[in-house]
Amino acid sequence: MEQNKLTILTPLIGNLVELRILDLSENSLSSLPRTIGNLSSLRDLRADKNQISSLPPSAKDLLELRSLSITSNQLKNLPEDIVQLTRLQRLCLSENSLLSLPV
């Protein structure tokens, strides 16, 4: 779904529980639906070059996630419980407006 003009991602995306890679880069998304946390098999989430200002709390439920790339957005902070993503190997957050990181 990369390089489109999406402004909203349907909550029904959460029904794709076997999805392993989701590339939402280069759209006009301002947020991700809370149902994103239902994607229990997701290993790679890319949402670069959007207008995302925060991650939904349900992102902590992406326990199989290995790679998370949200560069060139409007993130100001990350949810504290992002540290629960213990399988995460790659985290790309450049070109945001981060004020702090979880401790």
N, C-alpha and C. Protein backbone atom coordinates (compact mmCIF):
# COMPACT_ATOMS: atom_id res chain seq x y z
N MET A 1 0.82 -1.18 0.00
CA MET A 1 0.00 0.00 0.00
C MET A 1 0.87 1.26 0.00
N GLU A 2 2.12 1.09 -0.29
CA GLU A 2 3.00 2.25 -0.26
C GLU A 2 2.77 3.15 -1.47
N GLN A 3 3.15 4.39 -1.33
CA GLN A 3 3.09 5.43 -2.36
C GLN A 3 1.68 5.60 -2.94
N ASN A 4 0.74 5.78 -2.05
CA ASN A 4 -0.62 6.09 -2.44
C ASN A 4 -1.01 7.42 -1.80
N LYS A 5 -2.27 7.67 -1.65
CA LYS A 5 -2.73 8.90 -1.02
C LYS A 5 -3.68 8.59 0.13
N LEU A 6 -3.40 7.48 0.80
CA LEU A 6 -4.27 7.08 1.91
C LEU A 6 -4.20 8.09 3.04
N THR A 7 -5.36 8.48 3.55
CA THR A 7 -5.42 9.37 4.71
C THR A 7 -5.91 8.61 5.94
N ILE A 8 -6.59 7.49 5.72
CA ILE A 8 -7.11 6.66 6.80
C ILE A 8 -6.87 5.19 6.45
N LEU A 9 -6.46 4.43 7.44
CA LEU A 9 -6.33 2.99 7.28
C LEU A 9 -7.51 2.34 7.99
N THR A 10 -8.27 1.56 7.28
CA THR A 10 -9.47 0.95 7.85
C THR A 10 -9.14 0.08 9.07
N PRO A 11 -9.97 0.14 10.09
CA PRO A 11 -9.78 -0.74 11.25
C PRO A 11 -9.85 -2.22 10.88
N LEU A 12 -10.45 -2.53 9.74
CA LEU A 12 -10.55 -3.92 9.30
C LEU A 12 -9.19 -4.53 9.00
N ILE A 13 -8.15 -3.70 8.90
CA ILE A 13 -6.80 -4.22 8.70
C ILE A 13 -6.45 -5.20 9.81
N GLY A 14 -7.03 -5.02 10.98
CA GLY A 14 -6.78 -5.89 12.12
C GLY A 14 -7.25 -7.33 11.92
N ASN A 15 -8.05 -7.56 10.89
CA ASN A 15 -8.52 -8.92 10.59
C ASN A 15 -7.48 -9.75 9.86
N LEU A 16 -6.43 -9.13 9.37
CA LEU A 16 -5.40 -9.83 8.59
C LEU A 16 -4.34 -10.41 9.53
N VAL A 17 -4.77 -11.31 10.39
CA VAL A 17 -3.91 -11.79 11.48
C VAL A 17 -2.70 -12.59 11.01
N GLU A 18 -2.68 -13.05 9.79
CA GLU A 18 -1.53 -13.79 9.26
C GLU A 18 -0.55 -12.89 8.50
N LEU A 19 -0.88 -11.61 8.37
CA LEU A 19 -0.03 -10.67 7.65
C LEU A 19 1.34 -10.57 8.31
N ARG A 20 2.40 -10.63 7.52
CA ARG A 20 3.77 -10.57 8.06
C ARG A 20 4.47 -9.26 7.75
N ILE A 21 4.15 -8.64 6.62
CA ILE A 21 4.78 -7.38 6.22
C ILE A 21 3.68 -6.40 5.84
N LEU A 22 3.76 -5.19 6.40
CA LEU A 22 2.81 -4.14 6.07
C LEU A 22 3.59 -2.88 5.77
N ASP A 23 3.53 -2.43 4.54
CA ASP A 23 4.25 -1.22 4.12
C ASP A 23 3.24 -0.13 3.78
N LEU A 24 3.20 0.87 4.62
CA LEU A 24 2.27 2.00 4.47
C LEU A 24 3.02 3.28 4.12
N SER A 25 4.25 3.16 3.71
CA SER A 25 5.10 4.32 3.46
C SER A 25 4.56 5.21 2.35
N GLU A 26 4.89 6.48 2.47
CA GLU A 26 4.58 7.49 1.47
C GLU A 26 3.08 7.60 1.17
N ASN A 27 2.33 7.79 2.23
CA ASN A 27 0.91 8.08 2.14
C ASN A 27 0.66 9.39 2.89
N SER A 28 -0.54 9.61 3.34
CA SER A 28 -0.87 10.80 4.12
C SER A 28 -1.59 10.41 5.41
N LEU A 29 -1.14 9.33 6.01
CA LEU A 29 -1.76 8.84 7.24
C LEU A 29 -1.37 9.70 8.42
N SER A 30 -2.33 10.05 9.24
CA SER A 30 -2.03 10.80 10.46
C SER A 30 -2.04 9.90 11.69
N SER A 31 -2.57 8.70 11.54
CA SER A 31 -2.60 7.75 12.65
C SER A 31 -2.75 6.34 12.10
N LEU A 32 -2.53 5.38 13.00
CA LEU A 32 -2.77 3.98 12.70
C LEU A 32 -3.94 3.52 13.56
N PRO A 33 -4.80 2.65 13.04
CA PRO A 33 -5.95 2.21 13.84
C PRO A 33 -5.50 1.36 15.03
N ARG A 34 -6.28 1.38 16.10
CA ARG A 34 -5.92 0.59 17.28
C ARG A 34 -5.93 -0.90 16.97
N THR A 35 -6.66 -1.30 15.93
CA THR A 35 -6.72 -2.72 15.56
C THR A 35 -5.40 -3.21 14.98
N ILE A 36 -4.45 -2.34 14.77
CA ILE A 36 -3.13 -2.75 14.27
C ILE A 36 -2.52 -3.78 15.23
N GLY A 37 -2.85 -3.68 16.50
CA GLY A 37 -2.34 -4.62 17.50
C GLY A 37 -2.84 -6.04 17.33
N ASN A 38 -3.87 -6.23 16.51
CA ASN A 38 -4.40 -7.58 16.24
C ASN A 38 -3.53 -8.36 15.27
N LEU A 39 -2.60 -7.69 14.62
CA LEU A 39 -1.77 -8.34 13.60
C LEU A 39 -0.66 -9.15 14.28
N SER A 40 -1.06 -10.26 14.87
CA SER A 40 -0.18 -11.03 15.74
C SER A 40 0.99 -11.69 15.02
N SER A 41 0.96 -11.79 13.71
CA SER A 41 2.06 -12.40 12.95
C SER A 41 2.97 -11.36 12.30
N LEU A 42 2.63 -10.08 12.46
CA LEU A 42 3.37 -9.02 11.78
C LEU A 42 4.83 -8.97 12.25
N ARG A 43 5.74 -8.97 11.28
CA ARG A 43 7.17 -8.93 11.58
C ARG A 43 7.82 -7.64 11.11
N ASP A 44 7.22 -7.00 10.13
CA ASP A 44 7.84 -5.81 9.54
C ASP A 44 6.74 -4.77 9.28
N LEU A 45 6.84 -3.64 9.97
CA LEU A 45 5.89 -2.54 9.79
C LEU A 45 6.65 -1.31 9.33
N ARG A 46 6.30 -0.81 8.15
CA ARG A 46 6.91 0.38 7.59
C ARG A 46 5.83 1.43 7.37
N ALA A 47 6.04 2.59 7.95
CA ALA A 47 5.08 3.69 7.79
C ALA A 47 5.85 5.00 7.60
N ASP A 48 6.92 4.95 6.85
CA ASP A 48 7.75 6.12 6.60
C ASP A 48 7.01 7.15 5.75
N LYS A 49 7.39 8.39 5.92
CA LYS A 49 6.88 9.50 5.10
C LYS A 49 5.35 9.59 5.11
N ASN A 50 4.80 9.72 6.31
CA ASN A 50 3.39 9.97 6.51
C ASN A 50 3.28 11.19 7.41
N GLN A 51 2.21 11.30 8.15
CA GLN A 51 2.01 12.40 9.09
C GLN A 51 1.60 11.87 10.46
N ILE A 52 2.11 10.70 10.80
CA ILE A 52 1.74 10.02 12.04
C ILE A 52 2.33 10.75 13.24
N SER A 53 1.47 11.09 14.18
CA SER A 53 1.93 11.85 15.35
C SER A 53 2.10 10.97 16.59
N SER A 54 1.48 9.79 16.60
CA SER A 54 1.66 8.87 17.72
C SER A 54 1.29 7.46 17.29
N LEU A 55 1.80 6.50 18.03
CA LEU A 55 1.44 5.10 17.79
C LEU A 55 0.30 4.73 18.72
N PRO A 56 -0.61 3.88 18.27
CA PRO A 56 -1.69 3.47 19.16
C PRO A 56 -1.15 2.60 20.28
N PRO A 57 -1.77 2.63 21.46
CA PRO A 57 -1.32 1.78 22.57
C PRO A 57 -1.25 0.30 22.20
N SER A 58 -2.09 -0.13 21.28
CA SER A 58 -2.12 -1.54 20.89
C SER A 58 -0.85 -1.97 20.16
N ALA A 59 0.02 -1.05 19.79
CA ALA A 59 1.27 -1.41 19.13
C ALA A 59 2.10 -2.34 20.01
N LYS A 60 1.90 -2.27 21.31
CA LYS A 60 2.62 -3.14 22.25
C LYS A 60 2.27 -4.61 22.05
N ASP A 61 1.17 -4.89 21.37
CA ASP A 61 0.72 -6.26 21.15
C ASP A 61 1.35 -6.91 19.91
N LEU A 62 2.17 -6.18 19.20
CA LEU A 62 2.83 -6.71 18.01
C LEU A 62 4.09 -7.49 18.43
N LEU A 63 3.88 -8.57 19.13
CA LEU A 63 4.98 -9.28 19.80
C LEU A 63 5.92 -10.00 18.84
N GLU A 64 5.51 -10.22 17.60
CA GLU A 64 6.40 -10.85 16.61
C GLU A 64 7.17 -9.82 15.79
N LEU A 65 6.93 -8.55 16.02
CA LEU A 65 7.54 -7.49 15.23
C LEU A 65 9.06 -7.51 15.35
N ARG A 66 9.74 -7.54 14.20
CA ARG A 66 11.20 -7.53 14.16
C ARG A 66 11.73 -6.17 13.69
N SER A 67 10.94 -5.51 12.83
CA SER A 67 11.39 -4.25 12.24
C SER A 67 10.25 -3.24 12.25
N LEU A 68 10.55 -2.05 12.78
CA LEU A 68 9.57 -0.97 12.83
C LEU A 68 10.24 0.29 12.29
N SER A 69 9.73 0.78 11.19
CA SER A 69 10.29 1.98 10.57
C SER A 69 9.20 3.02 10.41
N ILE A 70 9.39 4.15 11.12
CA ILE A 70 8.43 5.25 11.08
C ILE A 70 9.20 6.55 10.91
N THR A 71 10.09 6.59 9.95
CA THR A 71 10.87 7.80 9.71
C THR A 71 10.02 8.85 8.97
N SER A 72 10.43 10.09 9.10
CA SER A 72 9.79 11.21 8.39
C SER A 72 8.29 11.29 8.67
N ASN A 73 7.95 11.33 9.94
CA ASN A 73 6.59 11.52 10.39
C ASN A 73 6.56 12.69 11.36
N GLN A 74 5.60 12.71 12.25
CA GLN A 74 5.48 13.80 13.23
C GLN A 74 5.42 13.26 14.65
N LEU A 75 6.10 12.12 14.89
CA LEU A 75 6.11 11.52 16.22
C LEU A 75 6.76 12.45 17.24
N LYS A 76 6.09 12.61 18.36
CA LYS A 76 6.66 13.41 19.45
C LYS A 76 7.14 12.51 20.59
N ASN A 77 6.54 11.34 20.70
CA ASN A 77 6.98 10.38 21.71
C ASN A 77 6.55 8.98 21.29
N LEU A 78 7.07 8.02 22.01
CA LEU A 78 6.70 6.63 21.79
C LEU A 78 5.97 6.14 23.03
N PRO A 79 5.05 5.19 22.85
CA PRO A 79 4.38 4.65 24.03
C PRO A 79 5.41 3.99 24.95
N GLU A 80 5.24 4.16 26.25
CA GLU A 80 6.16 3.57 27.22
C GLU A 80 6.30 2.07 27.05
N ASP A 81 5.19 1.41 26.71
CA ASP A 81 5.22 -0.05 26.63
C ASP A 81 5.80 -0.59 25.33
N ILE A 82 6.36 0.28 24.50
CA ILE A 82 7.04 -0.21 23.29
C ILE A 82 8.21 -1.12 23.66
N VAL A 83 8.71 -0.97 24.86
CA VAL A 83 9.81 -1.83 25.31
C VAL A 83 9.37 -3.29 25.47
N GLN A 84 8.08 -3.56 25.38
CA GLN A 84 7.58 -4.94 25.44
C GLN A 84 7.80 -5.68 24.14
N LEU A 85 8.21 -4.97 23.09
CA LEU A 85 8.46 -5.61 21.80
C LEU A 85 9.87 -6.21 21.82
N THR A 86 10.02 -7.28 22.54
CA THR A 86 11.34 -7.84 22.81
C THR A 86 11.99 -8.50 21.59
N ARG A 87 11.25 -8.79 20.55
CA ARG A 87 11.83 -9.37 19.34
C ARG A 87 12.28 -8.31 18.34
N LEU A 88 12.01 -7.06 18.65
CA LEU A 88 12.35 -5.96 17.76
C LEU A 88 13.87 -5.89 17.57
N GLN A 89 14.30 -5.92 16.31
CA GLN A 89 15.73 -5.88 15.98
C GLN A 89 16.11 -4.58 15.29
N ARG A 90 15.13 -3.93 14.67
CA ARG A 90 15.40 -2.72 13.90
C ARG A 90 14.31 -1.70 14.21
N LEU A 91 14.74 -0.52 14.66
CA LEU A 91 13.81 0.56 14.99
C LEU A 91 14.33 1.83 14.33
N CYS A 92 13.60 2.34 13.36
CA CYS A 92 14.00 3.53 12.62
C CYS A 92 13.02 4.66 12.91
N LEU A 93 13.54 5.74 13.50
CA LEU A 93 12.69 6.85 13.93
C LEU A 93 13.22 8.20 13.47
N SER A 94 14.12 8.24 12.54
CA SER A 94 14.73 9.51 12.13
C SER A 94 13.69 10.44 11.49
N GLU A 95 14.02 11.72 11.51
CA GLU A 95 13.20 12.77 10.92
C GLU A 95 11.77 12.81 11.49
N ASN A 96 11.70 12.84 12.81
CA ASN A 96 10.46 13.03 13.54
C ASN A 96 10.64 14.23 14.46
N SER A 97 9.76 14.39 15.39
CA SER A 97 9.86 15.49 16.37
C SER A 97 9.91 14.92 17.78
N LEU A 98 10.66 13.83 17.94
CA LEU A 98 10.73 13.16 19.24
C LEU A 98 11.29 14.06 20.32
N LEU A 99 10.60 14.11 21.43
CA LEU A 99 11.03 14.91 22.59
C LEU A 99 11.66 14.02 23.64
N SER A 100 11.26 12.74 23.66
CA SER A 100 11.84 11.81 24.64
C SER A 100 11.63 10.39 24.15
N LEU A 101 12.33 9.48 24.80
CA LEU A 101 12.20 8.06 24.51
C LEU A 101 11.83 7.35 25.80
N PRO A 102 11.14 6.20 25.69
CA PRO A 102 10.81 5.44 26.91
C PRO A 102 12.10 5.06 27.66
N VAL A 103 11.99 5.07 28.96
CA VAL A 103 13.15 4.73 29.78
C VAL A 103 13.08 3.28 30.20
